[in-house]
N, C-alpha and C. Protein backbone atom coordinates (compact mmCIF):
# COMPACT_ATOMS: atom_id res chain seq x y z
N MET A 1 63.97 -1.56 38.61
CA MET A 1 64.59 -0.81 39.68
C MET A 1 65.79 -0.08 39.11
N SER A 2 65.88 1.18 39.39
CA SER A 2 66.99 1.94 38.85
C SER A 2 67.79 2.57 39.98
N GLY A 3 68.83 1.89 40.38
CA GLY A 3 69.69 2.41 41.43
C GLY A 3 69.36 1.82 42.78
N PRO A 4 70.19 2.13 43.76
CA PRO A 4 69.99 1.58 45.09
C PRO A 4 68.77 2.17 45.79
N ALA A 5 68.14 1.37 46.62
CA ALA A 5 66.99 1.84 47.39
C ALA A 5 67.50 2.70 48.55
N THR A 6 66.74 3.71 48.91
CA THR A 6 67.09 4.55 50.03
C THR A 6 66.35 4.05 51.26
N LEU A 7 67.10 3.78 52.31
CA LEU A 7 66.50 3.26 53.53
C LEU A 7 66.11 4.40 54.47
N SER A 8 65.01 4.22 55.18
CA SER A 8 64.61 5.20 56.18
C SER A 8 65.50 5.04 57.41
N LYS A 9 65.44 6.01 58.31
CA LYS A 9 66.23 5.92 59.54
C LYS A 9 65.81 4.69 60.34
N TYR A 10 64.51 4.41 60.35
CA TYR A 10 64.01 3.25 61.08
C TYR A 10 64.58 1.96 60.49
N GLU A 11 64.59 1.85 59.16
CA GLU A 11 65.11 0.65 58.50
C GLU A 11 66.61 0.47 58.78
N LYS A 12 67.35 1.58 58.76
CA LYS A 12 68.79 1.50 59.07
C LYS A 12 69.00 1.03 60.50
N HIS A 13 68.21 1.58 61.43
CA HIS A 13 68.31 1.19 62.83
C HIS A 13 67.98 -0.30 62.99
N GLU A 14 66.93 -0.74 62.31
CA GLU A 14 66.51 -2.13 62.37
C GLU A 14 67.61 -3.06 61.84
N MET A 15 68.25 -2.68 60.74
CA MET A 15 69.32 -3.50 60.18
C MET A 15 70.52 -3.58 61.13
N LEU A 16 70.84 -2.46 61.77
CA LEU A 16 71.95 -2.46 62.72
C LEU A 16 71.63 -3.35 63.93
N GLN A 17 70.39 -3.31 64.39
CA GLN A 17 69.99 -4.17 65.51
C GLN A 17 70.09 -5.64 65.10
N ASP A 18 69.66 -5.94 63.88
CA ASP A 18 69.78 -7.31 63.37
C ASP A 18 71.23 -7.76 63.33
N ALA A 19 72.10 -6.88 62.87
CA ALA A 19 73.53 -7.21 62.74
C ALA A 19 74.16 -7.48 64.10
N LYS A 20 73.69 -6.80 65.13
CA LYS A 20 74.26 -6.97 66.47
C LYS A 20 73.69 -8.19 67.19
N ASN A 21 72.58 -8.74 66.71
CA ASN A 21 71.91 -9.85 67.37
C ASN A 21 72.57 -11.17 66.97
N VAL A 22 73.25 -11.81 67.91
CA VAL A 22 73.99 -13.05 67.64
C VAL A 22 73.04 -14.15 67.19
N ARG A 23 71.88 -14.25 67.83
CA ARG A 23 70.91 -15.30 67.49
C ARG A 23 70.43 -15.16 66.04
N ARG A 24 70.13 -13.93 65.62
CA ARG A 24 69.70 -13.70 64.23
C ARG A 24 70.83 -14.05 63.26
N GLY A 25 72.06 -13.73 63.65
CA GLY A 25 73.20 -14.07 62.81
C GLY A 25 73.32 -15.56 62.58
N LYS A 26 73.08 -16.33 63.65
CA LYS A 26 73.14 -17.78 63.53
C LYS A 26 72.04 -18.31 62.60
N VAL A 27 70.86 -17.70 62.66
CA VAL A 27 69.76 -18.11 61.79
C VAL A 27 70.11 -17.83 60.33
N PHE A 28 70.67 -16.66 60.05
CA PHE A 28 71.06 -16.32 58.68
C PHE A 28 72.18 -17.24 58.19
N MET A 29 73.12 -17.57 59.06
CA MET A 29 74.22 -18.46 58.69
C MET A 29 73.68 -19.85 58.37
N ALA A 30 72.76 -20.35 59.19
CA ALA A 30 72.17 -21.67 58.94
C ALA A 30 71.42 -21.69 57.62
N ALA A 31 70.69 -20.61 57.32
CA ALA A 31 69.95 -20.53 56.06
C ALA A 31 70.91 -20.50 54.87
N ARG A 32 72.01 -19.78 55.02
CA ARG A 32 72.99 -19.72 53.92
C ARG A 32 73.61 -21.08 53.68
N ILE A 33 73.99 -21.77 54.75
CA ILE A 33 74.60 -23.10 54.63
C ILE A 33 73.61 -24.07 53.98
N LYS A 34 72.36 -24.02 54.45
CA LYS A 34 71.33 -24.91 53.90
C LYS A 34 71.12 -24.64 52.41
N SER A 35 71.16 -23.37 52.01
CA SER A 35 70.93 -23.03 50.60
C SER A 35 72.07 -23.49 49.71
N GLN A 36 73.25 -23.71 50.28
CA GLN A 36 74.41 -24.12 49.49
C GLN A 36 74.62 -25.63 49.47
N GLU A 37 73.75 -26.38 50.15
CA GLU A 37 73.91 -27.83 50.21
C GLU A 37 73.49 -28.54 48.92
N GLY A 38 72.61 -27.95 48.16
CA GLY A 38 72.08 -28.61 46.97
C GLY A 38 73.10 -28.69 45.84
N SER A 39 72.82 -29.60 44.92
CA SER A 39 73.70 -29.77 43.76
C SER A 39 73.24 -28.84 42.63
N LEU A 40 74.03 -28.77 41.60
CA LEU A 40 73.67 -27.96 40.44
C LEU A 40 72.40 -28.49 39.78
N ASP A 41 72.25 -29.81 39.74
CA ASP A 41 71.04 -30.40 39.16
C ASP A 41 69.79 -30.00 39.94
N GLU A 42 69.89 -29.97 41.28
CA GLU A 42 68.75 -29.56 42.10
C GLU A 42 68.41 -28.09 41.85
N TYR A 43 69.44 -27.26 41.68
CA TYR A 43 69.23 -25.83 41.40
C TYR A 43 68.53 -25.65 40.05
N ILE A 44 68.98 -26.38 39.05
CA ILE A 44 68.36 -26.28 37.72
C ILE A 44 66.91 -26.78 37.78
N ASP A 45 66.66 -27.84 38.53
CA ASP A 45 65.29 -28.32 38.72
C ASP A 45 64.43 -27.26 39.38
N PHE A 46 64.97 -26.60 40.40
CA PHE A 46 64.23 -25.54 41.09
C PHE A 46 63.87 -24.42 40.12
N LEU A 47 64.84 -23.99 39.33
CA LEU A 47 64.58 -22.92 38.36
C LEU A 47 63.55 -23.36 37.32
N SER A 48 63.68 -24.58 36.84
CA SER A 48 62.76 -25.10 35.82
C SER A 48 61.34 -25.19 36.35
N ASN A 49 61.18 -25.61 37.59
CA ASN A 49 59.85 -25.76 38.17
C ASN A 49 59.18 -24.43 38.49
N ASN A 50 59.96 -23.36 38.56
CA ASN A 50 59.40 -22.07 38.96
C ASN A 50 59.44 -21.02 37.85
N MET A 51 59.75 -21.44 36.64
CA MET A 51 59.86 -20.48 35.54
C MET A 51 58.53 -19.76 35.26
N GLU A 52 57.42 -20.47 35.43
CA GLU A 52 56.13 -19.85 35.12
C GLU A 52 55.73 -18.80 36.16
N LEU A 53 56.43 -18.74 37.28
CA LEU A 53 56.10 -17.77 38.32
C LEU A 53 56.71 -16.40 38.07
N THR A 54 57.60 -16.31 37.12
CA THR A 54 58.24 -15.04 36.82
C THR A 54 57.99 -14.64 35.38
N GLU A 55 57.94 -13.34 35.16
CA GLU A 55 57.71 -12.84 33.80
C GLU A 55 59.06 -12.46 33.20
N PHE A 56 59.38 -13.06 32.08
CA PHE A 56 60.64 -12.76 31.41
C PHE A 56 60.40 -11.70 30.35
N LYS A 57 61.16 -10.63 30.42
CA LYS A 57 61.06 -9.56 29.43
C LYS A 57 62.47 -9.27 28.93
N PRO A 58 62.76 -9.57 27.68
CA PRO A 58 64.11 -9.34 27.16
C PRO A 58 64.46 -7.85 27.15
N SER A 59 65.73 -7.59 27.24
CA SER A 59 66.23 -6.22 27.22
C SER A 59 65.97 -5.58 25.86
N GLU A 60 65.66 -4.30 25.89
CA GLU A 60 65.44 -3.57 24.63
C GLU A 60 66.71 -2.87 24.17
N ARG A 61 67.79 -3.10 24.89
CA ARG A 61 69.07 -2.45 24.56
C ARG A 61 69.62 -3.00 23.24
N ILE A 62 70.03 -2.12 22.37
CA ILE A 62 70.61 -2.51 21.08
C ILE A 62 72.12 -2.47 21.22
N THR A 63 72.77 -3.57 20.89
CA THR A 63 74.22 -3.63 21.00
C THR A 63 74.83 -3.71 19.60
N THR A 64 76.02 -3.17 19.48
CA THR A 64 76.73 -3.20 18.20
C THR A 64 78.08 -3.88 18.31
N LYS A 65 78.57 -4.07 19.53
CA LYS A 65 79.86 -4.73 19.75
C LYS A 65 79.59 -6.17 20.13
N PHE A 66 79.89 -7.08 19.26
CA PHE A 66 79.60 -8.49 19.48
C PHE A 66 80.82 -9.23 19.97
N LYS A 67 81.38 -8.79 21.08
CA LYS A 67 82.56 -9.43 21.66
C LYS A 67 82.15 -10.16 22.93
N LEU A 68 82.88 -11.21 23.25
CA LEU A 68 82.64 -11.93 24.50
C LEU A 68 83.37 -11.25 25.62
């Protein structure tokens, strides 16, 4: 993906309606809280168990400045 996605007028309208909906806001808040309950070990386990589901492709960028 190169750059931000452009939203259609319908998508913008839909997002604004979502933002105004208190019930949807509560659902998103509950999901965010639930996602933050796990420990670092659980997160690492999740990533380890799902590594085969994603394709890793290293960057082809050549760097010459080896600074942190």
